[in-house]
C-alpha atoms as a PDB file:
ATOM      1  CA  UNK A   1      -8.728   9.050  -7.449  1.00  0.00           C
ATOM      2  CA  UNK A   2      -5.985  11.562  -8.393  1.00  0.00           C
ATOM      3  CA  UNK A   3      -6.629  13.015 -11.822  1.00  0.00           C
ATOM      4  CA  UNK A   4      -2.890  14.052 -12.773  1.00  0.00           C
ATOM      5  CA  UNK A   5      -1.751  12.786 -16.273  1.00  0.00           C
ATOM      6  CA  UNK A   6       2.496  12.893 -16.694  1.00  0.00           C
ATOM      7  CA  UNK A   7       3.080  12.990 -20.583  1.00  0.00           C
ATOM      8  CA  UNK A   8       6.401  13.155 -22.070  1.00  0.00           C
ATOM      9  CA  UNK A   9       7.125  13.663 -26.318  1.00  0.00           C
ATOM     10  CA  UNK A  10       9.821  15.801 -27.930  1.00  0.00           C
ATOM     11  CA  UNK A  11       6.576  17.403 -30.237  1.00  0.00           C
ATOM     12  CA  UNK A  12       5.652  20.809 -28.854  1.00  0.00           C
ATOM     13  CA  UNK A  13       2.435  20.560 -30.910  1.00  0.00           C
ATOM     14  CA  UNK A  14       1.525  17.040 -29.460  1.00  0.00           C
ATOM     15  CA  UNK A  15       2.059  18.034 -25.761  1.00  0.00           C
ATOM     16  CA  UNK A  16      -0.068  21.560 -26.085  1.00  0.00           C
ATOM     17  CA  UNK A  17      -2.898  19.471 -28.122  1.00  0.00           C
ATOM     18  CA  UNK A  18      -3.176  16.853 -25.304  1.00  0.00           C
ATOM     19  CA  UNK A  19      -2.867  19.378 -22.378  1.00  0.00           C
ATOM     20  CA  UNK A  20      -5.419  21.042 -23.955  1.00  0.00           C
ATOM     21  CA  UNK A  21      -7.566  18.541 -24.759  1.00  0.00           C
ATOM     22  CA  UNK A  22      -7.511  16.611 -21.517  1.00  0.00           C
ATOM     23  CA  UNK A  23      -7.491  19.465 -19.191  1.00  0.00           C
ATOM     24  CA  UNK A  24     -10.952  20.078 -21.138  1.00  0.00           C
ATOM     25  CA  UNK A  25     -12.048  16.805 -19.664  1.00  0.00           C
ATOM     26  CA  UNK A  26     -10.886  17.552 -16.051  1.00  0.00           C
ATOM     27  CA  UNK A  27      -7.764  16.077 -15.811  1.00  0.00           C
ATOM     28  CA  UNK A  28      -4.478  17.727 -14.489  1.00  0.00           C
ATOM     29  CA  UNK A  29      -1.571  17.718 -16.788  1.00  0.00           C
ATOM     30  CA  UNK A  30       2.285  17.587 -16.206  1.00  0.00           C
ATOM     31  CA  UNK A  31       4.271  17.442 -19.611  1.00  0.00           C
ATOM     32  CA  UNK A  32       7.930  16.727 -20.064  1.00  0.00           C
ATOM     33  CA  UNK A  33       9.827  17.244 -23.435  1.00  0.00           C
ATOM     34  CA  UNK A  34      12.477  14.521 -22.976  1.00  0.00           C
ATOM     35  CA  UNK A  35      13.480  11.608 -20.382  1.00  0.00           C
ATOM     36  CA  UNK A  36      15.295  13.209 -17.899  1.00  0.00           C
ATOM     37  CA  UNK A  37      12.536  15.793 -17.804  1.00  0.00           C
ATOM     38  CA  UNK A  38      10.093  13.116 -17.560  1.00  0.00           C
ATOM     39  CA  UNK A  39      11.902  11.403 -14.491  1.00  0.00           C
ATOM     40  CA  UNK A  40      12.110  14.630 -12.621  1.00  0.00           C
ATOM     41  CA  UNK A  41       8.630  15.244 -12.970  1.00  0.00           C
ATOM     42  CA  UNK A  42       7.715  11.644 -12.083  1.00  0.00           C
ATOM     43  CA  UNK A  43       9.915  11.863  -8.918  1.00  0.00           C
ATOM     44  CA  UNK A  44       8.642  15.242  -7.643  1.00  0.00           C
ATOM     45  CA  UNK A  45       4.759  14.147  -8.356  1.00  0.00           C
ATOM     46  CA  UNK A  46       4.794  10.406  -8.290  1.00  0.00           C
ATOM     47  CA  UNK A  47       2.089  10.144  -5.548  1.00  0.00           C
ATOM     48  CA  UNK A  48      -0.265  12.685  -7.400  1.00  0.00           C
ATOM     49  CA  UNK A  49       0.391  10.752 -11.000  1.00  0.00           C
ATOM     50  CA  UNK A  50      -2.506   8.463 -12.053  1.00  0.00           C
ATOM     51  CA  UNK A  51      -1.571   7.662 -15.399  1.00  0.00           C
ATOM     52  CA  UNK A  52       1.876   8.258 -17.743  1.00  0.00           C
ATOM     53  CA  UNK A  53       1.864   8.689 -21.762  1.00  0.00           C
ATOM     54  CA  UNK A  54       5.158   7.707 -23.023  1.00  0.00           C
ATOM     55  CA  UNK A  55       6.473   8.461 -26.575  1.00  0.00           C
ATOM     56  CA  UNK A  56       8.423   5.657 -27.869  1.00  0.00           C
ATOM     57  CA  UNK A  57      10.914   8.091 -29.697  1.00  0.00           C
ATOM     58  CA  UNK A  58      12.699  10.610 -27.541  1.00  0.00           C
ATOM     59  CA  UNK A  59      16.118  12.647 -27.851  1.00  0.00           C
ATOM     60  CA  UNK A  60      18.086  11.320 -24.794  1.00  0.00           C
ATOM     61  CA  UNK A  61      16.037   7.909 -24.587  1.00  0.00           C
ATOM     62  CA  UNK A  62      13.657   5.487 -25.490  1.00  0.00           C
ATOM     63  CA  UNK A  63      10.041   5.478 -24.028  1.00  0.00           C
ATOM     64  CA  UNK A  64      10.929   1.413 -23.212  1.00  0.00           C
ATOM     65  CA  UNK A  65      13.656   2.587 -20.872  1.00  0.00           C
ATOM     66  CA  UNK A  66      11.138   5.119 -19.312  1.00  0.00           C
ATOM     67  CA  UNK A  67       8.682   2.495 -18.796  1.00  0.00           C
ATOM     68  CA  UNK A  68      10.954   0.467 -17.213  1.00  0.00           C
ATOM     69  CA  UNK A  69      11.949   2.857 -15.089  1.00  0.00           C
ATOM     70  CA  UNK A  70       8.278   3.669 -13.851  1.00  0.00           C
ATOM     71  CA  UNK A  71       7.728  -0.106 -13.322  1.00  0.00           C
ATOM     72  CA  UNK A  72      11.049  -0.408 -10.978  1.00  0.00           C
ATOM     73  CA  UNK A  73       9.306   2.408  -8.702  1.00  0.00           C
ATOM     74  CA  UNK A  74       5.440   2.321  -9.283  1.00  0.00           C
ATOM     75  CA  UNK A  75       2.703   0.140 -10.714  1.00  0.00           C
ATOM     76  CA  UNK A  76       0.865   3.507 -12.231  1.00  0.00           C
ATOM     77  CA  UNK A  77      -0.485   2.774 -15.565  1.00  0.00           C
ATOM     78  CA  UNK A  78       1.157   3.008 -18.827  1.00  0.00           C
ATOM     79  CA  UNK A  79       0.326   4.133 -22.179  1.00  0.00           C
ATOM     80  CA  UNK A  80       2.683   4.251 -24.788  1.00  0.00           C
ATOM     81  CA  UNK A  81       2.623   6.314 -28.310  1.00  0.00           C
ATOM     82  CA  UNK A  82       4.617   4.923 -30.932  1.00  0.00           C
ATOM     83  CA  UNK A  83       4.895   6.130 -34.576  1.00  0.00           C
ATOM     84  CA  UNK A  84       5.828   2.921 -35.797  1.00  0.00           C
ATOM     85  CA  UNK A  85       3.593   0.428 -37.736  1.00  0.00           C
ATOM     86  CA  UNK A  86       5.888  -2.566 -36.434  1.00  0.00           C
ATOM     87  CA  UNK A  87       4.046  -4.666 -34.017  1.00  0.00           C
ATOM     88  CA  UNK A  88       7.182  -5.567 -32.329  1.00  0.00           C
ATOM     89  CA  UNK A  89       7.184  -1.931 -30.887  1.00  0.00           C
ATOM     90  CA  UNK A  90       3.635  -2.882 -29.072  1.00  0.00           C
ATOM     91  CA  UNK A  91       4.672  -6.024 -27.868  1.00  0.00           C
ATOM     92  CA  UNK A  92       8.081  -4.988 -26.707  1.00  0.00           C
ATOM     93  CA  UNK A  93       6.298  -2.007 -24.375  1.00  0.00           C
ATOM     94  CA  UNK A  94       3.666  -4.795 -23.330  1.00  0.00           C
ATOM     95  CA  UNK A  95       6.275  -7.359 -22.502  1.00  0.00           C
ATOM     96  CA  UNK A  96       7.897  -4.439 -20.247  1.00  0.00           C
ATOM     97  CA  UNK A  97       5.114  -3.613 -18.036  1.00  0.00           C
ATOM     98  CA  UNK A  98       2.596  -1.286 -20.212  1.00  0.00           C
ATOM     99  CA  UNK A  99      -1.066  -1.156 -20.043  1.00  0.00           C
ATOM    100  CA  UNK A 100      -2.064  -0.164 -23.224  1.00  0.00           C
ATOM    101  CA  UNK A 101      -0.818   1.421 -26.710  1.00  0.00           C
ATOM    102  CA  UNK A 102      -1.636   4.194 -29.180  1.00  0.00           C
ATOM    103  CA  UNK A 103      -0.089   4.588 -32.921  1.00  0.00           C
ATOM    104  CA  UNK A 104       0.670   8.058 -34.227  1.00  0.00           C
ATOM    105  CA  UNK A 105      -1.135   9.802 -35.209  1.00  0.00           C
ATOM    106  CA  UNK A 106      -3.954   9.166 -33.219  1.00  0.00           C
ATOM    107  CA  UNK A 107      -7.398  10.957 -32.534  1.00  0.00           C
ATOM    108  CA  UNK A 108      -7.503  12.649 -28.787  1.00  0.00           C
ATOM    109  CA  UNK A 109     -10.824  10.854 -28.125  1.00  0.00           C
ATOM    110  CA  UNK A 110      -9.243   7.715 -28.593  1.00  0.00           C
ATOM    111  CA  UNK A 111      -6.327   8.324 -26.245  1.00  0.00           C
ATOM    112  CA  UNK A 112      -9.401   9.732 -23.668  1.00  0.00           C
ATOM    113  CA  UNK A 113     -11.616   6.729 -23.854  1.00  0.00           C
ATOM    114  CA  UNK A 114      -8.298   4.329 -23.202  1.00  0.00           C
ATOM    115  CA  UNK A 115      -7.538   6.849 -20.644  1.00  0.00           C
ATOM    116  CA  UNK A 116     -11.005   6.341 -18.942  1.00  0.00           C
ATOM    117  CA  UNK A 117     -11.038   2.372 -19.308  1.00  0.00           C
ATOM    118  CA  UNK A 118      -7.631   2.186 -17.542  1.00  0.00           C
ATOM    119  CA  UNK A 119      -9.002   4.451 -14.869  1.00  0.00           C
ATOM    120  CA  UNK A 120     -12.316   2.849 -14.922  1.00  0.00           C
ATOM    121  CA  UNK A 121     -10.631  -0.194 -14.287  1.00  0.00           C
ATOM    122  CA  UNK A 122      -8.319   0.671 -11.602  1.00  0.00           C
ATOM    123  CA  UNK A 123     -10.978   2.377  -9.525  1.00  0.00           C
ATOM    124  CA  UNK A 124     -13.375  -0.615  -9.265  1.00  0.00           C
ATOM    125  CA  UNK A 125     -14.992  -1.207  -5.585  1.00  0.00           C
ATOM    126  CA  UNK A 126     -13.414  -3.900  -4.436  1.00  0.00           C
ATOM    127  CA  UNK A 127     -15.210  -3.621  -1.205  1.00  0.00           C
ATOM    128  CA  UNK A 128     -16.892  -7.169  -1.597  1.00  0.00           C
ATOM    129  CA  UNK A 129     -14.145  -8.783  -3.307  1.00  0.00           C
ATOM    130  CA  UNK A 130     -12.222 -11.386  -1.307  1.00  0.00           C
ATOM    131  CA  UNK A 131      -8.916  -9.860  -0.700  1.00  0.00           C
ATOM    132  CA  UNK A 132      -6.523 -13.160  -1.236  1.00  0.00           C
ATOM    133  CA  UNK A 133      -6.646 -15.548  -3.728  1.00  0.00           C
ATOM    134  CA  UNK A 134      -4.451 -18.840  -3.225  1.00  0.00           C
ATOM    135  CA  UNK A 135      -3.792 -21.445  -6.109  1.00  0.00           C
ATOM    136  CA  UNK A 136      -0.671 -24.061  -6.696  1.00  0.00           C
ATOM    137  CA  UNK A 137       1.149 -22.048  -3.544  1.00  0.00           C
ATOM    138  CA  UNK A 138       0.873 -18.899  -5.114  1.00  0.00           C
ATOM    139  CA  UNK A 139      -0.959 -16.180  -3.170  1.00  0.00           C
ATOM    140  CA  UNK A 140      -2.956 -13.100  -5.403  1.00  0.00           C
ATOM    141  CA  UNK A 141      -3.480 -10.206  -3.065  1.00  0.00           C
ATOM    142  CA  UNK A 142      -5.828  -7.838  -4.552  1.00  0.00           C
ATOM    143  CA  UNK A 143      -5.302  -5.224  -2.126  1.00  0.00           C
ATOM    144  CA  UNK A 144      -2.014  -4.769  -2.691  1.00  0.00           C
ATOM    145  CA  UNK A 145      -1.851  -5.811  -6.275  1.00  0.00           C
ATOM    146  CA  UNK A 146       0.987  -8.527  -5.804  1.00  0.00           C
ATOM    147  CA  UNK A 147       1.797 -11.673  -6.370  1.00  0.00           C
ATOM    148  CA  UNK A 148       3.306 -13.942  -3.349  1.00  0.00           C
ATOM    149  CA  UNK A 149       4.931 -17.183  -4.633  1.00  0.00           C
ATOM    150  CA  UNK A 150       5.405 -20.198  -2.982  1.00  0.00           C
ATOM    151  CA  UNK A 151       8.577 -19.364  -0.761  1.00  0.00           C
ATOM    152  CA  UNK A 152       6.454 -16.037   0.394  1.00  0.00           C
ATOM    153  CA  UNK A 153       8.310 -13.347  -1.635  1.00  0.00           C
ATOM    154  CA  UNK A 154       5.907 -10.924  -3.216  1.00  0.00           C
ATOM    155  CA  UNK A 155       6.378  -8.807  -6.497  1.00  0.00           C
ATOM    156  CA  UNK A 156       3.971  -6.377  -7.711  1.00  0.00           C
ATOM    157  CA  UNK A 157       2.101  -6.528 -10.908  1.00  0.00           C
ATOM    158  CA  UNK A 158       1.510  -4.500 -14.195  1.00  0.00           C
ATOM    159  CA  UNK A 159      -2.070  -2.966 -14.367  1.00  0.00           C
ATOM    160  CA  UNK A 160      -2.886  -5.656 -17.556  1.00  0.00           C
ATOM    161  CA  UNK A 161      -1.243  -8.248 -15.681  1.00  0.00           C
ATOM    162  CA  UNK A 162      -3.212  -7.461 -12.442  1.00  0.00           C
ATOM    163  CA  UNK A 163      -6.193  -7.426 -14.262  1.00  0.00           C
ATOM    164  CA  UNK A 164      -5.811 -10.776 -16.132  1.00  0.00           C
ATOM    165  CA  UNK A 165      -4.813 -12.753 -13.234  1.00  0.00           C
ATOM    166  CA  UNK A 166      -7.438 -11.513 -11.130  1.00  0.00           C
ATOM    167  CA  UNK A 167     -10.171 -12.605 -13.943  1.00  0.00           C
ATOM    168  CA  UNK A 168      -8.858 -15.780 -14.079  1.00  0.00           C
ATOM    169  CA  UNK A 169      -8.498 -16.746 -10.267  1.00  0.00           C
ATOM    170  CA  UNK A 170     -12.211 -15.853 -10.047  1.00  0.00           C
ATOM    171  CA  UNK A 171     -13.251 -17.741 -12.938  1.00  0.00           C
ATOM    172  CA  UNK A 172     -10.890 -20.845 -12.108  1.00  0.00           C
ATOM    173  CA  UNK A 173     -11.991 -24.166 -14.599  1.00  0.00           C
ATOM    174  CA  UNK A 174     -14.086 -21.683 -16.896  1.00  0.00           C
ATOM    175  CA  UNK A 175     -13.318 -20.952 -20.662  1.00  0.00           C
ATOM    176  CA  UNK A 176     -12.989 -17.178 -20.941  1.00  0.00           C
ATOM    177  CA  UNK A 177     -13.071 -15.798 -24.355  1.00  0.00           C
ATOM    178  CA  UNK A 178     -10.676 -13.544 -26.563  1.00  0.00           C
ATOM    179  CA  UNK A 179     -12.890 -10.855 -26.445  1.00  0.00           C
ATOM    180  CA  UNK A 180     -13.844 -10.512 -22.670  1.00  0.00           C
ATOM    181  CA  UNK A 181     -10.439 -10.648 -21.960  1.00  0.00           C
ATOM    182  CA  UNK A 182      -9.579  -7.984 -23.909  1.00  0.00           C
ATOM    183  CA  UNK A 183     -12.427  -5.984 -22.609  1.00  0.00           C
ATOM    184  CA  UNK A 184     -11.518  -6.712 -18.988  1.00  0.00           C
ATOM    185  CA  UNK A 185      -7.652  -5.855 -19.528  1.00  0.00           C
ATOM    186  CA  UNK A 186      -8.205  -3.063 -21.890  1.00  0.00           C
ATOM    187  CA  UNK A 187     -11.531  -2.255 -22.331  1.00  0.00           C
ATOM    188  CA  UNK A 188     -11.510  -2.763 -25.949  1.00  0.00           C
ATOM    189  CA  UNK A 189     -11.617  -5.824 -28.585  1.00  0.00           C
ATOM    190  CA  UNK A 190      -8.822  -6.985 -30.080  1.00  0.00           C
ATOM    191  CA  UNK A 191      -8.332  -6.497 -33.820  1.00  0.00           C
ATOM    192  CA  UNK A 192      -7.945  -9.791 -36.013  1.00  0.00           C
ATOM    193  CA  UNK A 193      -3.881  -9.596 -35.994  1.00  0.00           C
ATOM    194  CA  UNK A 194      -3.459  -8.302 -32.417  1.00  0.00           C
ATOM    195  CA  UNK A 195      -1.428 -10.570 -30.230  1.00  0.00           C
ATOM    196  CA  UNK A 196      -1.333  -8.393 -27.374  1.00  0.00           C
ATOM    197  CA  UNK A 197      -3.261 -10.582 -25.279  1.00  0.00           C
ATOM    198  CA  UNK A 198      -0.835 -13.472 -26.174  1.00  0.00           C
ATOM    199  CA  UNK A 199       1.911 -11.865 -25.379  1.00  0.00           C
ATOM    200  CA  UNK A 200       0.450 -10.795 -22.249  1.00  0.00           C
ATOM    201  CA  UNK A 201      -0.488 -14.662 -21.150  1.00  0.00           C
ATOM    202  CA  UNK A 202       2.714 -15.546 -22.025  1.00  0.00           C
ATOM    203  CA  UNK A 203       4.302 -13.043 -19.599  1.00  0.00           C
ATOM    204  CA  UNK A 204       2.082 -14.023 -16.786  1.00  0.00           C
ATOM    205  CA  UNK A 205       2.737 -17.558 -17.219  1.00  0.00           C
ATOM    206  CA  UNK A 206       6.528 -16.656 -16.829  1.00  0.00           C
ATOM    207  CA  UNK A 207       5.549 -15.138 -13.461  1.00  0.00           C
ATOM    208  CA  UNK A 208       3.765 -18.142 -12.523  1.00  0.00           C
ATOM    209  CA  UNK A 209       6.739 -20.741 -13.755  1.00  0.00           C
ATOM    210  CA  UNK A 210       3.774 -22.303 -16.412  1.00  0.00           C
ATOM    211  CA  UNK A 211       5.713 -24.108 -18.832  1.00  0.00           C
ATOM    212  CA  UNK A 212       4.885 -22.359 -22.082  1.00  0.00           C
ATOM    213  CA  UNK A 213       4.724 -25.450 -24.097  1.00  0.00           C
ATOM    214  CA  UNK A 214       2.877 -27.644 -21.689  1.00  0.00           C
ATOM    215  CA  UNK A 215       0.900 -25.081 -19.567  1.00  0.00           C
ATOM    216  CA  UNK A 216      -0.569 -26.388 -16.324  1.00  0.00           C
ATOM    217  CA  UNK A 217      -2.321 -23.369 -15.073  1.00  0.00           C
ATOM    218  CA  UNK A 218      -3.146 -21.084 -17.829  1.00  0.00           C
ATOM    219  CA  UNK A 219      -4.044 -23.431 -20.409  1.00  0.00           C
ATOM    220  CA  UNK A 220      -5.002 -22.468 -24.196  1.00  0.00           C
ATOM    221  CA  UNK A 221      -8.314 -23.683 -25.429  1.00  0.00           C
ATOM    222  CA  UNK A 222      -8.059 -23.304 -29.295  1.00  0.00           C
ATOM    223  CA  UNK A 223     -10.717 -21.081 -31.461  1.00  0.00           C
ATOM    224  CA  UNK A 224     -11.858 -19.495 -28.135  1.00  0.00           C
ATOM    225  CA  UNK A 225      -9.758 -17.992 -25.366  1.00  0.00           C
ATOM    226  CA  UNK A 226      -8.347 -19.444 -21.974  1.00  0.00           C
ATOM    227  CA  UNK A 227      -8.816 -21.492 -18.911  1.00  0.00           C
ATOM    228  CA  UNK A 228      -7.312 -21.290 -15.472  1.00  0.00           C
ATOM    229  CA  UNK A 229      -6.803 -25.161 -15.052  1.00  0.00           C
ATOM    230  CA  UNK A 230      -6.648 -25.171 -11.389  1.00  0.00           C
ATOM    231  CA  UNK A 231      -8.286 -25.274  -7.653  1.00  0.00           C
ATOM    232  CA  UNK A 232      -8.590 -21.400  -6.319  1.00  0.00           C
ATOM    233  CA  UNK A 233      -9.376 -20.826  -2.866  1.00  0.00           C
ATOM    234  CA  UNK A 234     -10.147 -17.194  -1.678  1.00  0.00           C
ATOM    235  CA  UNK A 235     -10.111 -15.431   1.763  1.00  0.00           C
ATOM    236  CA  UNK A 236     -10.621 -11.934   3.350  1.00  0.00           C
ATOM    237  CA  UNK A 237      -7.354 -12.314   5.605  1.00  0.00           C
ATOM    238  CA  UNK A 238      -4.752 -14.491   5.547  1.00  0.00           C
END
Protein backbone atom coordinates (compact mmCIF):
# COMPACT_ATOMS: atom_id res chain seq x y z
CA UNK A 1 0.00 0.00 0.00
CA UNK A 2 1.22 3.49 -0.87
CA UNK A 3 2.11 5.65 2.11
CA UNK A 4 2.25 9.04 0.43
CA UNK A 5 0.26 11.87 1.98
CA UNK A 6 -0.48 15.16 0.23
CA UNK A 7 -1.04 18.10 2.61
CA UNK A 8 -2.26 21.59 1.78
CA UNK A 9 -2.09 24.33 4.42
CA UNK A 10 -1.13 27.98 4.08
CA UNK A 11 0.65 27.95 7.46
CA UNK A 12 4.29 27.06 6.88
CA UNK A 13 4.80 26.05 10.52
CA UNK A 14 1.97 23.52 10.30
CA UNK A 15 3.28 22.15 7.01
CA UNK A 16 6.77 21.73 8.45
CA UNK A 17 5.45 20.18 11.66
CA UNK A 18 3.34 17.61 9.83
CA UNK A 19 6.01 16.74 7.30
CA UNK A 20 8.62 16.16 10.02
CA UNK A 21 6.26 14.18 12.25
CA UNK A 22 4.78 11.98 9.53
CA UNK A 23 8.14 11.26 7.91
CA UNK A 24 9.38 10.03 11.30
CA UNK A 25 6.47 7.60 11.16
CA UNK A 26 7.50 6.21 7.78
CA UNK A 27 5.20 8.26 5.54
CA UNK A 28 6.26 10.12 2.43
CA UNK A 29 4.84 13.64 2.51
CA UNK A 30 4.18 16.10 -0.28
CA UNK A 31 3.23 19.70 0.55
CA UNK A 32 1.20 22.48 -1.02
CA UNK A 33 0.58 26.02 0.25
CA UNK A 34 -2.60 26.86 -1.70
CA UNK A 35 -5.28 25.32 -3.88
CA UNK A 36 -3.42 25.75 -7.16
CA UNK A 37 -0.24 24.08 -5.91
CA UNK A 38 -2.29 21.31 -4.30
CA UNK A 39 -4.08 20.46 -7.56
CA UNK A 40 -0.77 20.52 -9.46
CA UNK A 41 0.75 18.05 -6.98
CA UNK A 42 -2.38 15.91 -6.95
CA UNK A 43 -2.47 15.58 -10.74
CA UNK A 44 1.24 14.85 -10.90
CA UNK A 45 1.32 12.19 -8.16
CA UNK A 46 -2.28 10.95 -8.17
CA UNK A 47 -1.36 7.26 -8.46
CA UNK A 48 1.05 7.49 -5.51
CA UNK A 49 -1.13 9.40 -3.04
CA UNK A 50 -2.85 7.32 -0.36
CA UNK A 51 -4.46 10.19 1.58
CA UNK A 52 -5.02 13.96 1.33
CA UNK A 53 -5.15 16.44 4.21
CA UNK A 54 -6.97 19.66 3.29
CA UNK A 55 -7.06 22.89 5.26
CA UNK A 56 -10.50 24.48 4.96
CA UNK A 57 -9.27 28.09 4.71
CA UNK A 58 -6.74 28.78 1.95
CA UNK A 59 -5.66 32.03 0.28
CA UNK A 60 -7.05 31.20 -3.18
CA UNK A 61 -9.89 28.77 -2.47
CA UNK A 62 -11.57 26.65 0.22
CA UNK A 63 -10.70 23.14 1.20
CA UNK A 64 -14.32 22.22 0.44
CA UNK A 65 -13.77 23.07 -3.24
CA UNK A 66 -10.59 20.98 -3.27
CA UNK A 67 -12.45 18.07 -1.67
CA UNK A 68 -15.01 18.24 -4.48
CA UNK A 69 -12.24 18.37 -7.09
CA UNK A 70 -10.55 15.33 -5.56
CA UNK A 71 -13.81 13.40 -5.44
CA UNK A 72 -14.45 14.07 -9.13
CA UNK A 73 -11.09 12.46 -9.91
CA UNK A 74 -10.44 9.87 -7.22
CA UNK A 75 -11.69 8.02 -4.16
CA UNK A 76 -8.47 8.65 -2.21
CA UNK A 77 -9.32 9.29 1.49
CA UNK A 78 -9.57 12.92 2.61
CA UNK A 79 -9.13 14.46 6.07
CA UNK A 80 -10.27 18.07 6.54
CA UNK A 81 -8.48 20.49 8.89
CA UNK A 82 -10.68 23.24 10.28
CA UNK A 83 -9.97 26.09 12.67
CA UNK A 84 -13.69 26.78 12.99
CA UNK A 85 -15.63 25.54 15.98
CA UNK A 86 -18.79 25.55 13.85
CA UNK A 87 -20.32 22.12 13.38
CA UNK A 88 -21.52 23.32 9.97
CA UNK A 89 -17.99 23.23 8.56
CA UNK A 90 -17.58 19.62 9.63
CA UNK A 91 -20.96 18.58 8.23
CA UNK A 92 -20.28 20.28 4.89
CA UNK A 93 -16.95 18.49 4.57
CA UNK A 94 -18.54 15.11 5.23
CA UNK A 95 -21.36 15.82 2.80
CA UNK A 96 -18.80 16.60 0.10
CA UNK A 97 -17.12 13.22 0.59
CA UNK A 98 -14.43 13.80 3.22
CA UNK A 99 -13.57 10.72 5.27
CA UNK A 100 -12.75 12.50 8.53
CA UNK A 101 -12.08 15.92 10.03
CA UNK A 102 -9.95 17.29 12.81
CA UNK A 103 -10.05 20.71 14.45
CA UNK A 104 -7.19 23.15 14.92
CA UNK A 105 -5.21 23.26 17.09
CA UNK A 106 -4.62 19.51 17.00
CA UNK A 107 -2.24 16.98 18.45
CA UNK A 108 -0.13 15.38 15.68
CA UNK A 109 -0.51 12.04 17.46
CA UNK A 110 -4.28 12.23 17.08
CA UNK A 111 -3.94 13.07 13.38
CA UNK A 112 -1.57 10.14 12.95
CA UNK A 113 -4.08 7.85 14.66
CA UNK A 114 -6.80 9.03 12.26
CA UNK A 115 -4.52 8.43 9.27
CA UNK A 116 -3.64 4.93 10.45
CA UNK A 117 -7.30 4.10 11.06
CA UNK A 118 -8.26 5.17 7.53
CA UNK A 119 -5.38 3.23 5.98
CA UNK A 120 -6.22 0.21 8.10
CA UNK A 121 -9.83 0.23 6.95
CA UNK A 122 -9.01 0.77 3.29
CA UNK A 123 -6.35 -1.95 3.37
CA UNK A 124 -8.47 -4.73 4.84
CA UNK A 125 -8.11 -8.18 3.30
CA UNK A 126 -11.10 -8.84 1.06
CA UNK A 127 -9.94 -12.18 -0.35
CA UNK A 128 -12.68 -14.14 1.45
CA UNK A 129 -15.35 -11.48 1.06
CA UNK A 130 -17.95 -11.79 -1.72
CA UNK A 131 -17.34 -9.14 -4.36
CA UNK A 132 -20.99 -8.31 -5.03
CA UNK A 133 -23.91 -7.61 -2.70
CA UNK A 134 -27.36 -7.24 -4.31
CA UNK A 135 -30.41 -5.57 -2.75
CA UNK A 136 -33.53 -3.80 -4.09
CA UNK A 137 -32.11 -3.68 -7.62
CA UNK A 138 -28.78 -2.20 -6.47
CA UNK A 139 -25.39 -3.93 -6.48
CA UNK A 140 -22.44 -3.00 -4.27
CA UNK A 141 -19.13 -3.91 -5.91
CA UNK A 142 -16.65 -4.33 -3.05
CA UNK A 143 -13.59 -4.61 -5.29
CA UNK A 144 -14.31 -1.46 -7.31
CA UNK A 145 -15.89 0.30 -4.30
CA UNK A 146 -18.83 1.44 -6.40
CA UNK A 147 -22.63 1.25 -6.39
CA UNK A 148 -24.50 -0.01 -9.46
CA UNK A 149 -28.08 1.27 -9.65
CA UNK A 150 -31.10 -0.65 -11.04
CA UNK A 151 -30.46 0.86 -14.51
CA UNK A 152 -26.90 -0.45 -14.52
CA UNK A 153 -25.18 2.90 -13.99
CA UNK A 154 -22.09 2.70 -11.77
CA UNK A 155 -20.95 5.46 -9.39
CA UNK A 156 -17.97 5.46 -6.99
CA UNK A 157 -18.43 5.60 -3.21
CA UNK A 158 -16.29 7.73 -0.92
CA UNK A 159 -14.32 5.96 1.80
CA UNK A 160 -16.78 6.33 4.67
CA UNK A 161 -19.87 5.79 2.49
CA UNK A 162 -18.35 2.57 1.19
CA UNK A 163 -17.47 1.32 4.68
CA UNK A 164 -20.95 2.15 5.99
CA UNK A 165 -22.84 0.50 3.14
CA UNK A 166 -20.56 -2.54 3.22
CA UNK A 167 -21.21 -3.03 6.94
CA UNK A 168 -24.97 -2.66 6.45
CA UNK A 169 -25.21 -5.17 3.57
CA UNK A 170 -23.06 -7.66 5.48
CA UNK A 171 -25.53 -7.53 8.40
CA UNK A 172 -29.06 -7.16 6.97
CA UNK A 173 -31.81 -7.16 9.57
CA UNK A 174 -29.32 -6.65 12.40
CA UNK A 175 -29.48 -3.53 14.55
CA UNK A 176 -26.05 -1.89 14.39
CA UNK A 177 -25.44 0.54 17.22
CA UNK A 178 -23.91 3.96 16.65
CA UNK A 179 -20.63 3.15 18.38
CA UNK A 180 -20.01 0.16 16.11
CA UNK A 181 -20.85 2.15 12.99
CA UNK A 182 -18.54 4.96 14.10
CA UNK A 183 -15.69 2.57 14.84
CA UNK A 184 -15.91 0.95 11.40
CA UNK A 185 -16.31 4.16 9.40
CA UNK A 186 -14.11 6.47 11.49
CA UNK A 187 -11.99 4.29 13.73
CA UNK A 188 -13.23 6.11 16.82
CA UNK A 189 -16.32 6.70 18.95
CA UNK A 190 -18.67 9.64 18.54
CA UNK A 191 -18.98 12.53 20.95
CA UNK A 192 -22.40 13.20 22.51
CA UNK A 193 -23.09 16.10 20.09
CA UNK A 194 -21.39 14.61 17.03
CA UNK A 195 -23.92 14.36 14.16
CA UNK A 196 -21.45 13.25 11.51
CA UNK A 197 -22.80 9.68 11.41
CA UNK A 198 -26.37 10.94 10.92
CA UNK A 199 -25.16 13.16 8.07
CA UNK A 200 -23.43 10.20 6.48
CA UNK A 201 -26.54 7.99 6.78
CA UNK A 202 -28.65 10.76 5.26
CA UNK A 203 -26.21 11.06 2.34
CA UNK A 204 -26.26 7.31 1.77
CA UNK A 205 -30.07 7.27 1.84
CA UNK A 206 -30.06 9.87 -0.92
CA UNK A 207 -27.73 7.70 -3.00
CA UNK A 208 -30.18 4.81 -2.58
CA UNK A 209 -33.29 6.94 -3.20
CA UNK A 210 -34.39 5.96 0.30
CA UNK A 211 -37.00 8.44 1.56
CA UNK A 212 -35.52 10.31 4.53
CA UNK A 213 -38.94 10.74 6.22
CA UNK A 214 -40.03 7.13 5.82
CA UNK A 215 -36.91 5.16 4.83
CA UNK A 216 -37.45 1.61 3.66
CA UNK A 217 -33.83 0.48 3.50
CA UNK A 218 -31.81 2.17 6.24
CA UNK A 219 -34.17 2.48 9.18
CA UNK A 220 -33.43 4.36 12.39
CA UNK A 221 -33.72 2.40 15.62
CA UNK A 222 -34.22 5.11 18.22
CA UNK A 223 -31.86 5.00 21.13
CA UNK A 224 -29.68 2.42 19.41
CA UNK A 225 -28.58 2.88 15.81
CA UNK A 226 -29.65 1.70 12.36
CA UNK A 227 -30.85 -1.46 10.64
CA UNK A 228 -30.62 -2.43 6.95
CA UNK A 229 -34.21 -3.63 6.48
CA UNK A 230 -34.09 -5.58 3.23
CA UNK A 231 -32.94 -8.89 1.80
CA UNK A 232 -29.35 -9.05 0.57
CA UNK A 233 -27.72 -11.68 -1.65
CA UNK A 234 -23.99 -11.99 -2.28
CA UNK A 235 -21.79 -13.50 -4.97
CA UNK A 236 -18.15 -13.66 -6.01
CA UNK A 237 -19.05 -12.93 -9.64
CA UNK A 238 -21.91 -11.31 -11.53
